[in-house]
Amino acid sequence: MLPKQKAVEISLGILSDDKLGTDYYINAMMTINAEKGNYQLWGFEYSQKQHNYKSIKIPHETFTAQGGYSFLLLGDAQRNFTVNFGLTGVVGYERLNRGESMLYDGAKILSEDNFIYGVGGRLTFETYLSDRIVLLLQGRTKVFWGTDLKQFRPSAGLGIRFNF
C-alpha cells in the first residue's frame, strides 16, 4: 500500500434484496493509494435486477460511474489484513425492460428510464494474496435519487485488486 500506487479492481456480487441468484453487479475500479492505508476510488458498474410479472421477468439495468475515498478502519502493522470503509458519489442511468414500456399482454410500465444520482458506502475486508494481488470481501449499499424504483440498494460481493 505504497502512497500513489495505483491498482485495478474487479468485483462481482449479488444485490441483496428479496431474492438471490438472478440479481447481480459487476464493477471495475481504479484505486490510488494515499497515506496510512487510505485510497481513492474511481469506477464503473453494471447491475441487473429481475422483477417478476406474471410468467415473465422484467430486467432492470443500472449503469453507474462513481468516485470517492476509502478510509482504513483496522489493519495489522504490515497491512496484510485490513478493514476499510469507503464513501462514494454515484451518477448513472437506469433502464427498465430495455426501454420498452409495453408488455406482451398490453400492460404498460409506468416507471421510466432515468438519470440517477446518489451516494454509496462500502465496508471491505482486504487481504494480500501476494505482493500485487489483493482479495476483497465487501458489503455495499447505494442510495439513489431520481429513480422511480427503490432508492436503497444493498449488495455483497467478492473482488480482486491488481497493484502495479
C-alpha atoms as a PDB file:
ATOM      1  CA  MET A   1       0.000   0.000   0.000  1.00  0.00           C
ATOM      2  CA  LEU A   2       2.629   2.477  -1.103  1.00  0.00           C
ATOM      3  CA  PRO A   3       1.405   6.070  -1.464  1.00  0.00           C
ATOM      4  CA  LYS A   4       0.434   6.966  -5.066  1.00  0.00           C
ATOM      5  CA  GLN A   5       0.491   3.297  -6.077  1.00  0.00           C
ATOM      6  CA  LYS A   6      -2.326   2.518  -8.494  1.00  0.00           C
ATOM      7  CA  ALA A   7      -4.409  -0.624  -8.825  1.00  0.00           C
ATOM      8  CA  VAL A   8      -7.229  -2.068 -10.908  1.00  0.00           C
ATOM      9  CA  GLU A   9     -10.056  -3.776  -9.047  1.00  0.00           C
ATOM     10  CA  ILE A  10     -12.716  -6.101 -10.464  1.00  0.00           C
ATOM     11  CA  SER A  11     -15.614  -7.259  -8.294  1.00  0.00           C
ATOM     12  CA  LEU A  12     -18.748  -9.335  -8.737  1.00  0.00           C
ATOM     13  CA  GLY A  13     -21.622  -9.672  -6.363  1.00  0.00           C
ATOM     14  CA  ILE A  14     -25.268 -10.105  -5.629  1.00  0.00           C
ATOM     15  CA  LEU A  15     -27.858  -7.450  -4.988  1.00  0.00           C
ATOM     16  CA  SER A  16     -29.171  -8.193  -1.507  1.00  0.00           C
ATOM     17  CA  ASP A  17     -32.906  -7.913  -1.824  1.00  0.00           C
ATOM     18  CA  ASP A  18     -35.969 -10.134  -1.744  1.00  0.00           C
ATOM     19  CA  LYS A  19     -34.395 -12.951  -3.766  1.00  0.00           C
ATOM     20  CA  LEU A  20     -30.911 -14.230  -4.546  1.00  0.00           C
ATOM     21  CA  GLY A  21     -29.419 -15.670  -7.708  1.00  0.00           C
ATOM     22  CA  THR A  22     -30.653 -13.580 -10.640  1.00  0.00           C
ATOM     23  CA  ASP A  23     -29.731 -10.112  -9.364  1.00  0.00           C
ATOM     24  CA  TYR A  24     -26.039  -9.217  -9.722  1.00  0.00           C
ATOM     25  CA  TYR A  25     -23.486  -6.491 -10.310  1.00  0.00           C
ATOM     26  CA  ILE A  26     -20.065  -6.281 -11.947  1.00  0.00           C
ATOM     27  CA  ASN A  27     -17.731  -3.457 -11.071  1.00  0.00           C
ATOM     28  CA  ALA A  28     -14.393  -2.209 -12.464  1.00  0.00           C
ATOM     29  CA  MET A  29     -12.472   0.347 -10.429  1.00  0.00           C
ATOM     30  CA  MET A  30      -9.149   2.094 -10.244  1.00  0.00           C
ATOM     31  CA  THR A  31      -7.660   2.870  -6.850  1.00  0.00           C
ATOM     32  CA  ILE A  32      -4.892   5.289  -5.956  1.00  0.00           C
ATOM     33  CA  ASN A  33      -3.268   4.714  -2.580  1.00  0.00           C
ATOM     34  CA  ALA A  34      -2.877   7.637  -0.185  1.00  0.00           C
ATOM     35  CA  GLU A  35      -1.276   7.839   3.246  1.00  0.00           C
ATOM     36  CA  LYS A  36      -1.929   5.430   6.148  1.00  0.00           C
ATOM     37  CA  GLY A  37      -3.866   2.768   4.218  1.00  0.00           C
ATOM     38  CA  ASN A  38      -6.462   5.126   2.706  1.00  0.00           C
ATOM     39  CA  TYR A  39      -7.153   5.282  -1.044  1.00  0.00           C
ATOM     40  CA  GLN A  40      -9.196   6.986  -3.753  1.00  0.00           C
ATOM     41  CA  LEU A  41     -11.816   5.013  -5.718  1.00  0.00           C
ATOM     42  CA  TRP A  42     -12.890   5.631  -9.324  1.00  0.00           C
ATOM     43  CA  GLY A  43     -15.036   3.164 -11.199  1.00  0.00           C
ATOM     44  CA  PHE A  44     -17.871   1.948 -13.370  1.00  0.00           C
ATOM     45  CA  GLU A  45     -20.583  -0.554 -12.543  1.00  0.00           C
ATOM     46  CA  TYR A  46     -23.293  -2.507 -14.310  1.00  0.00           C
ATOM     47  CA  SER A  47     -26.070  -4.132 -12.292  1.00  0.00           C
ATOM     48  CA  GLN A  48     -29.131  -6.113 -13.284  1.00  0.00           C
ATOM     49  CA  LYS A  49     -32.193  -6.968 -11.252  1.00  0.00           C
ATOM     50  CA  GLN A  50     -35.132  -9.085 -12.409  1.00  0.00           C
ATOM     51  CA  HIS A  51     -38.682  -8.046 -11.474  1.00  0.00           C
ATOM     52  CA  ASN A  52     -41.388 -10.727 -11.694  1.00  0.00           C
ATOM     53  CA  TYR A  53     -44.524 -10.003 -13.697  1.00  0.00           C
ATOM     54  CA  LYS A  54     -46.911 -12.913 -14.263  1.00  0.00           C
ATOM     55  CA  SER A  55     -44.789 -15.550 -16.028  1.00  0.00           C
ATOM     56  CA  ILE A  56     -42.010 -13.231 -17.246  1.00  0.00           C
ATOM     57  CA  LYS A  57     -39.098 -11.396 -15.694  1.00  0.00           C
ATOM     58  CA  ILE A  58     -38.642  -7.692 -16.425  1.00  0.00           C
ATOM     59  CA  PRO A  59     -34.970  -6.626 -16.434  1.00  0.00           C
ATOM     60  CA  HIS A  60     -33.907  -3.513 -14.527  1.00  0.00           C
ATOM     61  CA  GLU A  61     -30.400  -2.440 -15.581  1.00  0.00           C
ATOM     62  CA  THR A  62     -28.295   0.252 -13.954  1.00  0.00           C
ATOM     63  CA  PHE A  63     -25.138   1.803 -15.421  1.00  0.00           C
ATOM     64  CA  THR A  64     -23.183   3.970 -12.963  1.00  0.00           C
ATOM     65  CA  ALA A  65     -19.902   5.815 -12.504  1.00  0.00           C
ATOM     66  CA  GLN A  66     -18.582   6.551  -9.046  1.00  0.00           C
ATOM     67  CA  GLY A  67     -15.760   8.301  -7.300  1.00  0.00           C
ATOM     68  CA  GLY A  68     -14.833   8.558  -3.659  1.00  0.00           C
ATOM     69  CA  TYR A  69     -12.455   7.750  -0.859  1.00  0.00           C
ATOM     70  CA  SER A  70     -11.821   4.715   1.345  1.00  0.00           C
ATOM     71  CA  PHE A  71     -10.574   5.036   4.930  1.00  0.00           C
ATOM     72  CA  LEU A  72      -8.588   2.414   6.849  1.00  0.00           C
ATOM     73  CA  LEU A  73     -10.512   1.309   9.944  1.00  0.00           C
ATOM     74  CA  LEU A  74      -8.449  -1.670  11.139  1.00  0.00           C
ATOM     75  CA  GLY A  75      -5.314  -3.429   9.992  1.00  0.00           C
ATOM     76  CA  ASP A  76      -2.235  -5.235  11.152  1.00  0.00           C
ATOM     77  CA  ALA A  77       1.138  -3.458  11.098  1.00  0.00           C
ATOM     78  CA  GLN A  78       2.177  -4.911   7.714  1.00  0.00           C
ATOM     79  CA  ARG A  79      -1.293  -4.273   6.192  1.00  0.00           C
ATOM     80  CA  ASN A  80      -1.717  -7.975   5.381  1.00  0.00           C
ATOM     81  CA  PHE A  81      -5.312  -7.756   6.585  1.00  0.00           C
ATOM     82  CA  THR A  82      -7.309  -4.534   6.564  1.00  0.00           C
ATOM     83  CA  VAL A  83     -10.869  -3.359   7.020  1.00  0.00           C
ATOM     84  CA  ASN A  84     -11.751  -0.213   5.072  1.00  0.00           C
ATOM     85  CA  PHE A  85     -14.837   1.986   4.898  1.00  0.00           C
ATOM     86  CA  GLY A  86     -15.484   3.873   1.648  1.00  0.00           C
ATOM     87  CA  LEU A  87     -17.820   6.682   0.661  1.00  0.00           C
ATOM     88  CA  THR A  88     -18.584   7.471  -2.968  1.00  0.00           C
ATOM     89  CA  GLY A  89     -20.650   9.807  -5.088  1.00  0.00           C
ATOM     90  CA  VAL A  90     -22.606   7.961  -7.788  1.00  0.00           C
ATOM     91  CA  VAL A  91     -24.170   9.083 -11.084  1.00  0.00           C
ATOM     92  CA  GLY A  92     -25.713   6.948 -13.775  1.00  0.00           C
ATOM     93  CA  TYR A  93     -28.650   5.770 -15.811  1.00  0.00           C
ATOM     94  CA  GLU A  94     -31.248   3.102 -15.123  1.00  0.00           C
ATOM     95  CA  ARG A  95     -33.247   1.292 -17.764  1.00  0.00           C
ATOM     96  CA  LEU A  96     -36.326  -0.843 -17.234  1.00  0.00           C
ATOM     97  CA  ASN A  97     -37.294  -3.603 -19.705  1.00  0.00           C
ATOM     98  CA  ARG A  98     -34.629  -2.372 -22.161  1.00  0.00           C
ATOM     99  CA  GLY A  99     -36.617   0.821 -22.763  1.00  0.00           C
ATOM    100  CA  GLU A 100     -39.866  -0.909 -23.784  1.00  0.00           C
ATOM    101  CA  SER A 101     -42.837   0.315 -21.745  1.00  0.00           C
ATOM    102  CA  MET A 102     -45.456  -2.032 -23.249  1.00  0.00           C
ATOM    103  CA  LEU A 103     -45.565  -5.654 -22.151  1.00  0.00           C
ATOM    104  CA  TYR A 104     -46.753  -8.707 -24.089  1.00  0.00           C
ATOM    105  CA  ASP A 105     -50.258  -8.583 -22.566  1.00  0.00           C
ATOM    106  CA  GLY A 106     -50.880  -4.873 -23.215  1.00  0.00           C
ATOM    107  CA  ALA A 107     -49.882  -3.711 -19.724  1.00  0.00           C
ATOM    108  CA  LYS A 108     -47.797  -0.546 -19.555  1.00  0.00           C
ATOM    109  CA  ILE A 109     -44.824   0.006 -17.254  1.00  0.00           C
ATOM    110  CA  LEU A 110     -45.312   3.355 -15.538  1.00  0.00           C
ATOM    111  CA  SER A 111     -41.742   3.652 -14.229  1.00  0.00           C
ATOM    112  CA  GLU A 112     -39.473   5.367 -16.716  1.00  0.00           C
ATOM    113  CA  ASP A 113     -35.810   5.181 -17.616  1.00  0.00           C
ATOM    114  CA  ASN A 114     -33.992   7.808 -15.553  1.00  0.00           C
ATOM    115  CA  PHE A 115     -30.722   9.533 -14.919  1.00  0.00           C
ATOM    116  CA  ILE A 116     -29.913   8.804 -11.285  1.00  0.00           C
ATOM    117  CA  TYR A 117     -27.510  10.170  -8.702  1.00  0.00           C
ATOM    118  CA  GLY A 118     -26.700   9.391  -5.120  1.00  0.00           C
ATOM    119  CA  VAL A 119     -24.165   8.204  -2.586  1.00  0.00           C
ATOM    120  CA  GLY A 120     -22.611   4.853  -1.845  1.00  0.00           C
ATOM    121  CA  GLY A 121     -20.886   3.221   1.068  1.00  0.00           C
ATOM    122  CA  ARG A 122     -18.847   0.073   1.323  1.00  0.00           C
ATOM    123  CA  LEU A 123     -17.148  -1.932   4.023  1.00  0.00           C
ATOM    124  CA  THR A 124     -14.328  -4.133   2.737  1.00  0.00           C
ATOM    125  CA  PHE A 125     -12.166  -6.816   4.257  1.00  0.00           C
ATOM    126  CA  GLU A 126      -8.923  -6.917   2.266  1.00  0.00           C
ATOM    127  CA  THR A 127      -6.057  -9.397   2.370  1.00  0.00           C
ATOM    128  CA  TYR A 128      -2.927  -9.639   0.255  1.00  0.00           C
ATOM    129  CA  LEU A 129      -2.513 -12.924  -1.612  1.00  0.00           C
ATOM    130  CA  SER A 130       0.869 -11.770  -2.986  1.00  0.00           C
ATOM    131  CA  ASP A 131       2.811  -8.512  -3.342  1.00  0.00           C
ATOM    132  CA  ARG A 132       0.441  -7.263  -6.026  1.00  0.00           C
ATOM    133  CA  ILE A 133      -2.813  -9.203  -5.641  1.00  0.00           C
ATOM    134  CA  VAL A 134      -5.459  -8.327  -3.035  1.00  0.00           C
ATOM    135  CA  LEU A 135      -8.612 -10.336  -2.291  1.00  0.00           C
ATOM    136  CA  LEU A 136     -11.663  -8.290  -1.224  1.00  0.00           C
ATOM    137  CA  LEU A 137     -14.861  -9.254   0.579  1.00  0.00           C
ATOM    138  CA  GLN A 138     -17.305  -6.357   0.571  1.00  0.00           C
ATOM    139  CA  GLY A 139     -20.686  -5.257   1.761  1.00  0.00           C
ATOM    140  CA  ARG A 140     -22.050  -2.207  -0.023  1.00  0.00           C
ATOM    141  CA  THR A 141     -25.075  -0.006  -0.278  1.00  0.00           C
ATOM    142  CA  LYS A 142     -26.174   2.796  -2.553  1.00  0.00           C
ATOM    143  CA  VAL A 143     -28.903   5.373  -2.093  1.00  0.00           C
ATOM    144  CA  PHE A 144     -30.296   6.869  -5.322  1.00  0.00           C
ATOM    145  CA  TRP A 145     -32.374   9.918  -6.115  1.00  0.00           C
ATOM    146  CA  GLY A 146     -34.088  10.473  -9.460  1.00  0.00           C
ATOM    147  CA  THR A 147     -35.382   6.911  -9.594  1.00  0.00           C
ATOM    148  CA  ASP A 148     -38.945   5.615  -9.792  1.00  0.00           C
ATOM    149  CA  LEU A 149     -37.851   2.374  -8.118  1.00  0.00           C
ATOM    150  CA  LYS A 150     -36.150   1.527  -4.814  1.00  0.00           C
ATOM    151  CA  GLN A 151     -33.798   4.197  -3.515  1.00  0.00           C
ATOM    152  CA  PHE A 152     -31.873   1.982  -1.079  1.00  0.00           C
ATOM    153  CA  ARG A 153     -29.916  -0.821  -2.826  1.00  0.00           C
ATOM    154  CA  PRO A 154     -27.661  -3.056  -0.700  1.00  0.00           C
ATOM    155  CA  SER A 155     -25.263  -5.645  -2.153  1.00  0.00           C
ATOM    156  CA  ALA A 156     -22.432  -8.002  -1.222  1.00  0.00           C
ATOM    157  CA  GLY A 157     -19.567  -9.281  -3.289  1.00  0.00           C
ATOM    158  CA  LEU A 158     -16.100 -10.614  -3.858  1.00  0.00           C
ATOM    159  CA  GLY A 159     -13.326  -8.840  -5.720  1.00  0.00           C
ATOM    160  CA  ILE A 160      -9.689  -8.909  -6.687  1.00  0.00           C
ATOM    161  CA  ARG A 161      -7.290  -5.971  -6.962  1.00  0.00           C
ATOM    162  CA  PHE A 162      -4.060  -5.908  -9.003  1.00  0.00           C
ATOM    163  CA  ASN A 163      -1.475  -3.355  -7.813  1.00  0.00           C
ATOM    164  CA  PHE A 164       1.007  -2.008 -10.345  1.00  0.00           C
END
